[in-house]
Amino acid sequence: AQAEALQFSTIHSFSLSVIRYYERCFHRRVYGVLGNVTPVVRDLYRKI
């Protein structure tokens, strides 16, 4: 019961909550999150 009321989080997850709160309060949409970096870097490498 106590554990469920507490917040255990990674620093990245907490930082994302800061961004989402900013979006709600300031009515702005920030950048989307790039989930998988690998294919992007691979494609840029090939082109360059």
All heavy atoms as atom14 arrays in JSON, in Angstrom:
{
  "sequence": "AQAEALQFSTIHSFSLSVIRYYERCFHRRVYGVLGNVTPVVRDLYRKI",
  "atom14_mask": [
    [1, 1, 1, 1, 1, 0, 0, 0, 0, 0, 0, 0, 0, 0],
    [1, 1, 1, 1, 1, 1, 1, 1, 1, 0, 0, 0, 0, 0],
    [1, 1, 1, 1, 1, 0, 0, 0, 0, 0, 0, 0, 0, 0],
    [1, 1, 1, 1, 1, 1, 1, 1, 1, 0, 0, 0, 0, 0],
    [1, 1, 1, 1, 1, 0, 0, 0, 0, 0, 0, 0, 0, 0],
    [1, 1, 1, 1, 1, 1, 1, 1, 0, 0, 0, 0, 0, 0],
    [1, 1, 1, 1, 1, 1, 1, 1, 1, 0, 0, 0, 0, 0],
    [1, 1, 1, 1, 1, 1, 1, 1, 1, 1, 1, 0, 0, 0],
    [1, 1, 1, 1, 1, 1, 0, 0, 0, 0, 0, 0, 0, 0],
    [1, 1, 1, 1, 1, 1, 1, 0, 0, 0, 0, 0, 0, 0],
    [1, 1, 1, 1, 1, 1, 1, 1, 0, 0, 0, 0, 0, 0],
    [1, 1, 1, 1, 1, 1, 1, 1, 1, 1, 0, 0, 0, 0],
    [1, 1, 1, 1, 1, 1, 0, 0, 0, 0, 0, 0, 0, 0],
    [1, 1, 1, 1, 1, 1, 1, 1, 1, 1, 1, 0, 0, 0],
    [1, 1, 1, 1, 1, 1, 0, 0, 0, 0, 0, 0, 0, 0],
    [1, 1, 1, 1, 1, 1, 1, 1, 0, 0, 0, 0, 0, 0],
    [1, 1, 1, 1, 1, 1, 0, 0, 0, 0, 0, 0, 0, 0],
    [1, 1, 1, 1, 1, 1, 1, 0, 0, 0, 0, 0, 0, 0],
    [1, 1, 1, 1, 1, 1, 1, 1, 0, 0, 0, 0, 0, 0],
    [1, 1, 1, 1, 1, 1, 1, 1, 1, 1, 1, 0, 0, 0],
    [1, 1, 1, 1, 1, 1, 1, 1, 1, 1, 1, 1, 0, 0],
    [1, 1, 1, 1, 1, 1, 1, 1, 1, 1, 1, 1, 0, 0],
    [1, 1, 1, 1, 1, 1, 1, 1, 1, 0, 0, 0, 0, 0],
    [1, 1, 1, 1, 1, 1, 1, 1, 1, 1, 1, 0, 0, 0],
    [1, 1, 1, 1, 1, 1, 0, 0, 0, 0, 0, 0, 0, 0],
    [1, 1, 1, 1, 1, 1, 1, 1, 1, 1, 1, 0, 0, 0],
    [1, 1, 1, 1, 1, 1, 1, 1, 1, 1, 0, 0, 0, 0],
    [1, 1, 1, 1, 1, 1, 1, 1, 1, 1, 1, 0, 0, 0],
    [1, 1, 1, 1, 1, 1, 1, 1, 1, 1, 1, 0, 0, 0],
    [1, 1, 1, 1, 1, 1, 1, 0, 0, 0, 0, 0, 0, 0],
    [1, 1, 1, 1, 1, 1, 1, 1, 1, 1, 1, 1, 0, 0],
    [1, 1, 1, 1, 0, 0, 0, 0, 0, 0, 0, 0, 0, 0],
    [1, 1, 1, 1, 1, 1, 1, 0, 0, 0, 0, 0, 0, 0],
    [1, 1, 1, 1, 1, 1, 1, 1, 0, 0, 0, 0, 0, 0],
    [1, 1, 1, 1, 0, 0, 0, 0, 0, 0, 0, 0, 0, 0],
    [1, 1, 1, 1, 1, 1, 1, 1, 0, 0, 0, 0, 0, 0],
    [1, 1, 1, 1, 1, 1, 1, 0, 0, 0, 0, 0, 0, 0],
    [1, 1, 1, 1, 1, 1, 1, 0, 0, 0, 0, 0, 0, 0],
    [1, 1, 1, 1, 1, 1, 1, 0, 0, 0, 0, 0, 0, 0],
    [1, 1, 1, 1, 1, 1, 1, 0, 0, 0, 0, 0, 0, 0],
    [1, 1, 1, 1, 1, 1, 1, 0, 0, 0, 0, 0, 0, 0],
    [1, 1, 1, 1, 1, 1, 1, 1, 1, 1, 1, 0, 0, 0],
    [1, 1, 1, 1, 1, 1, 1, 1, 0, 0, 0, 0, 0, 0],
    [1, 1, 1, 1, 1, 1, 1, 1, 0, 0, 0, 0, 0, 0],
    [1, 1, 1, 1, 1, 1, 1, 1, 1, 1, 1, 1, 0, 0],
    [1, 1, 1, 1, 1, 1, 1, 1, 1, 1, 1, 0, 0, 0],
    [1, 1, 1, 1, 1, 1, 1, 1, 1, 0, 0, 0, 0, 0],
    [1, 1, 1, 1, 1, 1, 1, 1, 0, 0, 0, 0, 0, 0]
  ],
  "atom14_positions": [
    [[0.83, -1.21, 0.0], [0.0, 0.0, 0.0], [0.86, 1.26, 0.0], [0.62, 2.2, -0.76], [-0.94, -0.01, 1.2], [0.0, 0.0, 0.0], [0.0, 0.0, 0.0], [0.0, 0.0, 0.0], [0.0, 0.0, 0.0], [0.0, 0.0, 0.0], [0.0, 0.0, 0.0], [0.0, 0.0, 0.0], [0.0, 0.0, 0.0], [0.0, 0.0, 0.0]],
    [[1.88, 1.28, 0.86], [2.77, 2.44, 0.91], [3.57, 2.58, -0.38], [3.75, 3.68, -0.9], [3.74, 2.31, 2.08], [3.11, 2.57, 3.44], [4.18, 2.64, 4.52], [5.34, 2.93, 4.24], [3.79, 2.38, 5.75], [0.0, 0.0, 0.0], [0.0, 0.0, 0.0], [0.0, 0.0, 0.0], [0.0, 0.0, 0.0], [0.0, 0.0, 0.0]],
    [[4.04, 1.46, -0.89], [4.88, 1.49, -2.09], [4.14, 2.09, -3.27], [4.72, 2.81, -4.09], [5.37, 0.08, -2.43], [0.0, 0.0, 0.0], [0.0, 0.0, 0.0], [0.0, 0.0, 0.0], [0.0, 0.0, 0.0], [0.0, 0.0, 0.0], [0.0, 0.0, 0.0], [0.0, 0.0, 0.0], [0.0, 0.0, 0.0], [0.0, 0.0, 0.0]],
    [[2.84, 1.79, -3.39], [2.06, 2.3, -4.51], [1.9, 3.81, -4.46], [1.72, 4.46, -5.49], [0.68, 1.63, -4.53], [0.71, 0.17, -4.94], [1.35, -0.05, -6.3], [1.07, 0.75, -7.23], [2.14, -1.0, -6.43], [0.0, 0.0, 0.0], [0.0, 0.0, 0.0], [0.0, 0.0, 0.0], [0.0, 0.0, 0.0], [0.0, 0.0, 0.0]],
    [[1.97, 4.39, -3.29], [1.81, 5.84, -3.14], [3.1, 6.61, -3.4], [3.09, 7.84, -3.5], [1.27, 6.17, -1.75], [0.0, 0.0, 0.0], [0.0, 0.0, 0.0], [0.0, 0.0, 0.0], [0.0, 0.0, 0.0], [0.0, 0.0, 0.0], [0.0, 0.0, 0.0], [0.0, 0.0, 0.0], [0.0, 0.0, 0.0], [0.0, 0.0, 0.0]],
    [[4.2, 5.89, -3.49], [5.51, 6.53, -3.67], [5.9, 6.54, -5.14], [5.45, 5.69, -5.91], [6.57, 5.77, -2.87], [6.44, 5.84, -1.34], [7.27, 4.75, -0.69], [6.85, 7.22, -0.83], [0.0, 0.0, 0.0], [0.0, 0.0, 0.0], [0.0, 0.0, 0.0], [0.0, 0.0, 0.0], [0.0, 0.0, 0.0], [0.0, 0.0, 0.0]],
    [[6.77, 7.49, -5.51], [7.22, 7.56, -6.89], [8.68, 7.14, -6.99], [9.59, 7.82, -6.52], [7.06, 8.97, -7.48], [7.46, 9.02, -8.96], [7.07, 10.32, -9.64], [6.33, 11.12, -9.08], [7.57, 10.53, -10.84], [0.0, 0.0, 0.0], [0.0, 0.0, 0.0], [0.0, 0.0, 0.0], [0.0, 0.0, 0.0], [0.0, 0.0, 0.0]],
    [[8.9, 5.98, -7.63], [10.23, 5.49, -7.98], [10.37, 5.65, -9.49], [9.57, 5.09, -10.25], [10.4, 4.03, -7.58], [10.27, 3.77, -6.11], [9.05, 3.44, -5.54], [11.38, 3.87, -5.27], [8.93, 3.2, -4.18], [11.28, 3.64, -3.91], [10.05, 3.3, -3.36], [0.0, 0.0, 0.0], [0.0, 0.0, 0.0], [0.0, 0.0, 0.0]],
    [[11.35, 6.39, -9.92], [11.42, 6.75, -11.34], [12.86, 6.86, -11.81], [13.78, 7.12, -11.03], [10.7, 8.1, -11.54], [10.92, 8.62, -12.83], [0.0, 0.0, 0.0], [0.0, 0.0, 0.0], [0.0, 0.0, 0.0], [0.0, 0.0, 0.0], [0.0, 0.0, 0.0], [0.0, 0.0, 0.0], [0.0, 0.0, 0.0], [0.0, 0.0, 0.0]],
    [[13.07, 6.67, -13.13], [14.36, 7.0, -13.72], [14.43, 8.51, -13.93], [13.4, 9.2, -13.96], [14.55, 6.31, -15.08], [13.57, 6.83, -15.99], [14.39, 4.8, -14.96], [0.0, 0.0, 0.0], [0.0, 0.0, 0.0], [0.0, 0.0, 0.0], [0.0, 0.0, 0.0], [0.0, 0.0, 0.0], [0.0, 0.0, 0.0], [0.0, 0.0, 0.0]],
    [[15.63, 9.03, -14.07], [15.79, 10.47, -14.3], [15.19, 10.86, -15.64], [14.61, 11.94, -15.79], [17.27, 10.87, -14.2], [17.82, 10.55, -12.81], [17.46, 12.35, -14.51], [19.27, 10.89, -12.6], [0.0, 0.0, 0.0], [0.0, 0.0, 0.0], [0.0, 0.0, 0.0], [0.0, 0.0, 0.0], [0.0, 0.0, 0.0], [0.0, 0.0, 0.0]],
    [[15.3, 9.99, -16.62], [14.73, 10.28, -17.94], [13.2, 10.37, -17.85], [12.59, 11.28, -18.44], [15.12, 9.2, -18.94], [16.52, 9.31, -19.44], [17.59, 8.75, -18.79], [17.04, 9.93, -20.55], [18.7, 9.01, -19.46], [18.39, 9.72, -20.53], [0.0, 0.0, 0.0], [0.0, 0.0, 0.0], [0.0, 0.0, 0.0], [0.0, 0.0, 0.0]],
    [[12.6, 9.44, -17.13], [11.14, 9.44, -17.0], [10.65, 10.7, -16.27], [9.66, 11.32, -16.66], [10.68, 8.19, -16.24], [9.29, 8.17, -16.1], [0.0, 0.0, 0.0], [0.0, 0.0, 0.0], [0.0, 0.0, 0.0], [0.0, 0.0, 0.0], [0.0, 0.0, 0.0], [0.0, 0.0, 0.0], [0.0, 0.0, 0.0], [0.0, 0.0, 0.0]],
    [[11.37, 11.07, -15.23], [11.01, 12.3, -14.52], [11.14, 13.51, -15.43], [10.27, 14.4, -15.45], [11.88, 12.49, -13.28], [11.76, 13.86, -12.68], [10.63, 14.23, -11.97], [12.76, 14.8, -12.87], [10.51, 15.51, -11.44], [12.65, 16.08, -12.35], [11.52, 16.43, -11.62], [0.0, 0.0, 0.0], [0.0, 0.0, 0.0], [0.0, 0.0, 0.0]],
    [[12.22, 13.57, -16.2], [12.44, 14.7, -17.11], [11.32, 14.81, -18.14], [10.89, 15.92, -18.48], [13.79, 14.56, -17.82], [14.84, 14.57, -16.88], [0.0, 0.0, 0.0], [0.0, 0.0, 0.0], [0.0, 0.0, 0.0], [0.0, 0.0, 0.0], [0.0, 0.0, 0.0], [0.0, 0.0, 0.0], [0.0, 0.0, 0.0], [0.0, 0.0, 0.0]],
    [[10.86, 13.67, -18.61], [9.75, 13.67, -19.56], [8.48, 14.21, -18.92], [7.69, 14.91, -19.56], [9.52, 12.26, -20.11], [8.57, 12.14, -21.31], [9.06, 12.98, -22.48], [8.43, 10.68, -21.73], [0.0, 0.0, 0.0], [0.0, 0.0, 0.0], [0.0, 0.0, 0.0], [0.0, 0.0, 0.0], [0.0, 0.0, 0.0], [0.0, 0.0, 0.0]],
    [[8.28, 13.92, -17.63], [7.11, 14.45, -16.92], [7.18, 15.97, -16.79], [6.15, 16.66, -16.82], [6.98, 13.81, -15.53], [7.97, 14.28, -14.64], [0.0, 0.0, 0.0], [0.0, 0.0, 0.0], [0.0, 0.0, 0.0], [0.0, 0.0, 0.0], [0.0, 0.0, 0.0], [0.0, 0.0, 0.0], [0.0, 0.0, 0.0], [0.0, 0.0, 0.0]],
    [[8.4, 16.5, -16.67], [8.58, 17.96, -16.65], [8.14, 18.56, -17.99], [7.43, 19.57, -18.04], [10.06, 18.33, -16.36], [10.29, 19.83, -16.56], [10.44, 17.91, -14.95], [0.0, 0.0, 0.0], [0.0, 0.0, 0.0], [0.0, 0.0, 0.0], [0.0, 0.0, 0.0], [0.0, 0.0, 0.0], [0.0, 0.0, 0.0], [0.0, 0.0, 0.0]],
    [[8.55, 17.93, -19.07], [8.2, 18.4, -20.42], [6.69, 18.34, -20.63], [6.08, 19.28, -21.16], [8.95, 17.57, -21.48], [10.46, 17.81, -21.37], [8.46, 17.93, -22.89], [11.3, 16.87, -22.22], [0.0, 0.0, 0.0], [0.0, 0.0, 0.0], [0.0, 0.0, 0.0], [0.0, 0.0, 0.0], [0.0, 0.0, 0.0], [0.0, 0.0, 0.0]],
    [[6.07, 17.23, -20.24], [4.63, 17.07, -20.43], [3.84, 18.08, -19.6], [2.8, 18.61, -20.04], [4.21, 15.64, -20.07], [4.82, 14.56, -20.95], [4.45, 14.76, -22.41], [5.04, 13.74, -23.28], [5.69, 14.0, -24.39], [5.86, 15.26, -24.78], [6.18, 13.02, -25.14], [0.0, 0.0, 0.0], [0.0, 0.0, 0.0], [0.0, 0.0, 0.0]],
    [[4.33, 18.37, -18.4], [3.65, 19.38, -17.56], [3.74, 20.76, -18.2], [2.78, 21.53, -18.21], [4.27, 19.4, -16.15], [3.58, 20.37, -15.22], [2.38, 20.04, -14.6], [4.13, 21.63, -14.96], [1.74, 20.93, -13.75], [3.5, 22.52, -14.12], [2.3, 22.17, -13.52], [1.67, 23.07, -12.68], [0.0, 0.0, 0.0], [0.0, 0.0, 0.0]],
    [[4.91, 21.05, -18.76], [5.1, 22.32, -19.47], [4.11, 22.43, -20.62], [3.51, 23.49, -20.85], [6.54, 22.39, -19.98], [6.76, 23.41, -21.07], [6.88, 24.77, -20.79], [6.83, 23.01, -22.41], [7.08, 25.7, -21.8], [7.02, 23.93, -23.42], [7.15, 25.27, -23.11], [7.33, 26.18, -24.12], [0.0, 0.0, 0.0], [0.0, 0.0, 0.0]],
    [[3.93, 21.34, -21.37], [3.0, 21.35, -22.5], [1.58, 21.68, -22.03], [0.87, 22.48, -22.66], [2.99, 19.99, -23.19], [4.25, 19.69, -23.99], [4.19, 18.33, -24.66], [3.69, 17.38, -24.03], [4.64, 18.22, -25.82], [0.0, 0.0, 0.0], [0.0, 0.0, 0.0], [0.0, 0.0, 0.0], [0.0, 0.0, 0.0], [0.0, 0.0, 0.0]],
    [[1.14, 21.09, -20.94], [-0.22, 21.31, -20.44], [-0.4, 22.74, -19.93], [-1.42, 23.38, -20.2], [-0.54, 20.32, -19.31], [-0.63, 18.87, -19.77], [-1.27, 18.0, -18.71], [-0.54, 17.99, -17.47], [0.46, 17.16, -17.18], [0.84, 16.25, -18.09], [1.08, 17.21, -16.02], [0.0, 0.0, 0.0], [0.0, 0.0, 0.0], [0.0, 0.0, 0.0]],
    [[0.59, 23.23, -19.2], [0.46, 24.57, -18.59], [0.61, 25.71, -19.59], [-0.07, 26.74, -19.47], [1.49, 24.73, -17.47], [1.14, 23.7, -16.04], [0.0, 0.0, 0.0], [0.0, 0.0, 0.0], [0.0, 0.0, 0.0], [0.0, 0.0, 0.0], [0.0, 0.0, 0.0], [0.0, 0.0, 0.0], [0.0, 0.0, 0.0], [0.0, 0.0, 0.0]],
    [[1.48, 25.52, -20.56], [1.76, 26.61, -21.5], [1.06, 26.4, -22.84], [1.24, 27.19, -23.76], [3.28, 26.74, -21.7], [4.01, 27.29, -20.51], [4.33, 26.48, -19.42], [4.36, 28.63, -20.45], [4.99, 26.98, -18.32], [5.03, 29.15, -19.35], [5.34, 28.32, -18.27], [0.0, 0.0, 0.0], [0.0, 0.0, 0.0], [0.0, 0.0, 0.0]],
    [[0.29, 25.31, -22.93], [-0.48, 25.02, -24.15], [0.4, 25.03, -25.39], [0.07, 25.62, -26.41], [-1.62, 26.04, -24.3], [-2.5, 26.12, -23.08], [-3.34, 25.09, -22.7], [-2.64, 27.11, -22.15], [-3.97, 25.44, -21.59], [-3.56, 26.65, -21.23], [0.0, 0.0, 0.0], [0.0, 0.0, 0.0], [0.0, 0.0, 0.0], [0.0, 0.0, 0.0]],
    [[1.53, 24.35, -25.26], [2.46, 24.23, -26.37], [2.82, 22.76, -26.58], [2.82, 21.97, -25.64], [3.75, 25.03, -26.11], [3.51, 26.53, -26.02], [4.79, 27.26, -25.66], [4.55, 28.68, -25.46], [5.45, 29.53, -24.98], [6.66, 29.09, -24.67], [5.16, 30.8, -24.81], [0.0, 0.0, 0.0], [0.0, 0.0, 0.0], [0.0, 0.0, 0.0]],
    [[3.14, 22.45, -27.81], [3.53, 21.08, -28.14], [5.01, 21.07, -28.45], [5.48, 21.75, -29.37], [2.73, 20.6, -29.36], [3.06, 19.18, -29.79], [2.66, 18.16, -28.75], [2.99, 16.8, -29.17], [3.01, 15.77, -28.35], [2.74, 15.94, -27.07], [3.3, 14.56, -28.79], [0.0, 0.0, 0.0], [0.0, 0.0, 0.0], [0.0, 0.0, 0.0]],
    [[5.78, 20.31, -27.66], [7.22, 20.24, -27.89], [7.51, 19.1, -28.87], [6.62, 18.44, -29.38], [8.0, 20.01, -26.58], [7.69, 21.12, -25.59], [7.66, 18.67, -25.96], [0.0, 0.0, 0.0], [0.0, 0.0, 0.0], [0.0, 0.0, 0.0], [0.0, 0.0, 0.0], [0.0, 0.0, 0.0], [0.0, 0.0, 0.0], [0.0, 0.0, 0.0]],
    [[8.78, 18.87, -29.11], [9.19, 17.86, -30.08], [8.73, 16.46, -29.66], [8.62, 16.15, -28.47], [10.72, 17.83, -30.22], [11.29, 19.08, -30.85], [12.65, 19.35, -30.78], [10.48, 19.98, -31.54], [13.2, 20.48, -31.37], [11.02, 21.11, -32.13], [12.37, 21.36, -32.04], [12.89, 22.47, -32.63], [0.0, 0.0, 0.0], [0.0, 0.0, 0.0]],
    [[8.51, 15.61, -30.64], [8.22, 14.21, -30.37], [9.5, 13.47, -30.0], [10.61, 13.98, -30.21], [0.0, 0.0, 0.0], [0.0, 0.0, 0.0], [0.0, 0.0, 0.0], [0.0, 0.0, 0.0], [0.0, 0.0, 0.0], [0.0, 0.0, 0.0], [0.0, 0.0, 0.0], [0.0, 0.0, 0.0], [0.0, 0.0, 0.0], [0.0, 0.0, 0.0]],
    [[9.36, 12.29, -29.42], [10.52, 11.51, -28.98], [10.9, 10.5, -30.05], [10.06, 9.72, -30.51], [10.23, 10.78, -27.65], [11.43, 9.94, -27.24], [9.88, 11.79, -26.56], [0.0, 0.0, 0.0], [0.0, 0.0, 0.0], [0.0, 0.0, 0.0], [0.0, 0.0, 0.0], [0.0, 0.0, 0.0], [0.0, 0.0, 0.0], [0.0, 0.0, 0.0]],
    [[12.16, 10.52, -30.45], [12.69, 9.57, -31.42], [12.98, 8.27, -30.68], [13.97, 8.16, -29.95], [13.96, 10.12, -32.07], [14.69, 9.2, -33.07], [13.79, 8.83, -34.22], [15.96, 9.89, -33.56], [0.0, 0.0, 0.0], [0.0, 0.0, 0.0], [0.0, 0.0, 0.0], [0.0, 0.0, 0.0], [0.0, 0.0, 0.0], [0.0, 0.0, 0.0]],
    [[12.12, 7.28, -30.85], [12.24, 6.04, -30.09], [13.44, 5.2, -30.46], [14.1, 4.64, -29.59], [0.0, 0.0, 0.0], [0.0, 0.0, 0.0], [0.0, 0.0, 0.0], [0.0, 0.0, 0.0], [0.0, 0.0, 0.0], [0.0, 0.0, 0.0], [0.0, 0.0, 0.0], [0.0, 0.0, 0.0], [0.0, 0.0, 0.0], [0.0, 0.0, 0.0]],
    [[13.75, 5.1, -31.74], [14.85, 4.25, -32.19], [15.84, 5.08, -33.0], [15.57, 5.46, -34.15], [14.31, 3.09, -33.02], [15.37, 2.04, -33.31], [16.54, 2.22, -32.98], [14.97, 0.95, -33.94], [0.0, 0.0, 0.0], [0.0, 0.0, 0.0], [0.0, 0.0, 0.0], [0.0, 0.0, 0.0], [0.0, 0.0, 0.0], [0.0, 0.0, 0.0]],
    [[16.98, 5.35, -32.42], [18.01, 6.19, -33.05], [18.74, 5.44, -34.17], [19.15, 6.03, -35.17], [19.01, 6.67, -31.98], [20.21, 7.35, -32.62], [18.32, 7.59, -30.99], [0.0, 0.0, 0.0], [0.0, 0.0, 0.0], [0.0, 0.0, 0.0], [0.0, 0.0, 0.0], [0.0, 0.0, 0.0], [0.0, 0.0, 0.0], [0.0, 0.0, 0.0]],
    [[18.88, 4.14, -34.02], [19.74, 3.33, -34.89], [19.45, 3.49, -36.38], [20.37, 3.77, -37.17], [19.68, 1.85, -34.49], [20.07, 1.73, -33.11], [20.59, 1.01, -35.36], [0.0, 0.0, 0.0], [0.0, 0.0, 0.0], [0.0, 0.0, 0.0], [0.0, 0.0, 0.0], [0.0, 0.0, 0.0], [0.0, 0.0, 0.0], [0.0, 0.0, 0.0]],
    [[18.2, 3.3, -36.84], [17.97, 3.41, -38.29], [18.25, 4.8, -38.85], [18.68, 4.94, -40.0], [16.49, 3.04, -38.45], [15.88, 3.17, -37.09], [16.97, 2.91, -36.13], [0.0, 0.0, 0.0], [0.0, 0.0, 0.0], [0.0, 0.0, 0.0], [0.0, 0.0, 0.0], [0.0, 0.0, 0.0], [0.0, 0.0, 0.0], [0.0, 0.0, 0.0]],
    [[18.05, 5.82, -38.03], [18.32, 7.19, -38.47], [19.82, 7.38, -38.69], [20.26, 7.89, -39.72], [17.79, 8.22, -37.45], [18.22, 9.63, -37.84], [16.28, 8.13, -37.34], [0.0, 0.0, 0.0], [0.0, 0.0, 0.0], [0.0, 0.0, 0.0], [0.0, 0.0, 0.0], [0.0, 0.0, 0.0], [0.0, 0.0, 0.0], [0.0, 0.0, 0.0]],
    [[20.62, 6.96, -37.7], [22.07, 7.12, -37.81], [22.61, 6.26, -38.95], [23.5, 6.69, -39.7], [22.75, 6.74, -36.48], [24.27, 6.76, -36.62], [22.31, 7.68, -35.36], [0.0, 0.0, 0.0], [0.0, 0.0, 0.0], [0.0, 0.0, 0.0], [0.0, 0.0, 0.0], [0.0, 0.0, 0.0], [0.0, 0.0, 0.0], [0.0, 0.0, 0.0]],
    [[22.09, 5.06, -39.12], [22.54, 4.18, -40.2], [22.27, 4.83, -41.56], [23.14, 4.81, -42.44], [21.82, 2.83, -40.11], [22.3, 1.84, -41.19], [21.46, 0.58, -41.22], [21.69, -0.27, -40.07], [20.79, -0.53, -39.13], [19.56, -0.01, -39.22], [21.08, -1.32, -38.12], [0.0, 0.0, 0.0], [0.0, 0.0, 0.0], [0.0, 0.0, 0.0]],
    [[21.09, 5.42, -41.72], [20.73, 6.03, -43.01], [21.59, 7.26, -43.28], [22.04, 7.48, -44.41], [19.25, 6.41, -43.0], [18.76, 6.85, -44.37], [18.97, 6.1, -45.34], [18.17, 7.95, -44.48], [0.0, 0.0, 0.0], [0.0, 0.0, 0.0], [0.0, 0.0, 0.0], [0.0, 0.0, 0.0], [0.0, 0.0, 0.0], [0.0, 0.0, 0.0]],
    [[21.84, 8.07, -42.25], [22.7, 9.25, -42.42], [24.13, 8.84, -42.76], [24.79, 9.47, -43.6], [22.68, 10.1, -41.15], [21.36, 10.83, -40.85], [21.4, 11.45, -39.46], [21.09, 11.91, -41.89], [0.0, 0.0, 0.0], [0.0, 0.0, 0.0], [0.0, 0.0, 0.0], [0.0, 0.0, 0.0], [0.0, 0.0, 0.0], [0.0, 0.0, 0.0]],
    [[24.6, 7.81, -42.11], [25.95, 7.29, -42.4], [26.06, 6.9, -43.87], [27.03, 7.23, -44.56], [26.2, 6.08, -41.49], [27.58, 5.48, -41.57], [28.49, 5.63, -40.52], [27.99, 4.73, -42.68], [29.76, 5.06, -40.58], [29.26, 4.17, -42.74], [30.13, 4.33, -41.68], [31.38, 3.77, -41.75], [0.0, 0.0, 0.0], [0.0, 0.0, 0.0]],
    [[25.05, 6.16, -44.35], [25.06, 5.7, -45.73], [25.08, 6.88, -46.71], [25.82, 6.89, -47.69], [23.84, 4.82, -46.0], [23.78, 4.25, -47.41], [22.49, 3.47, -47.63], [21.32, 4.33, -47.44], [20.86, 5.19, -48.35], [21.49, 5.34, -49.5], [19.78, 5.91, -48.1], [0.0, 0.0, 0.0], [0.0, 0.0, 0.0], [0.0, 0.0, 0.0]],
    [[24.28, 7.91, -46.42], [24.2, 9.07, -47.3], [25.48, 9.89, -47.29], [25.93, 10.39, -48.33], [23.02, 9.95, -46.89], [21.66, 9.32, -47.17], [20.53, 10.21, -46.67], [19.16, 9.58, -46.95], [18.05, 10.39, -46.4], [0.0, 0.0, 0.0], [0.0, 0.0, 0.0], [0.0, 0.0, 0.0], [0.0, 0.0, 0.0], [0.0, 0.0, 0.0]],
    [[26.08, 10.04, -46.11], [27.26, 10.9, -45.99], [28.52, 10.22, -46.5], [29.33, 10.81, -47.22], [27.47, 11.34, -44.51], [26.29, 12.22, -44.06], [28.79, 12.08, -44.34], [26.29, 12.51, -42.58], [0.0, 0.0, 0.0], [0.0, 0.0, 0.0], [0.0, 0.0, 0.0], [0.0, 0.0, 0.0], [0.0, 0.0, 0.0], [0.0, 0.0, 0.0]]
  ]
}
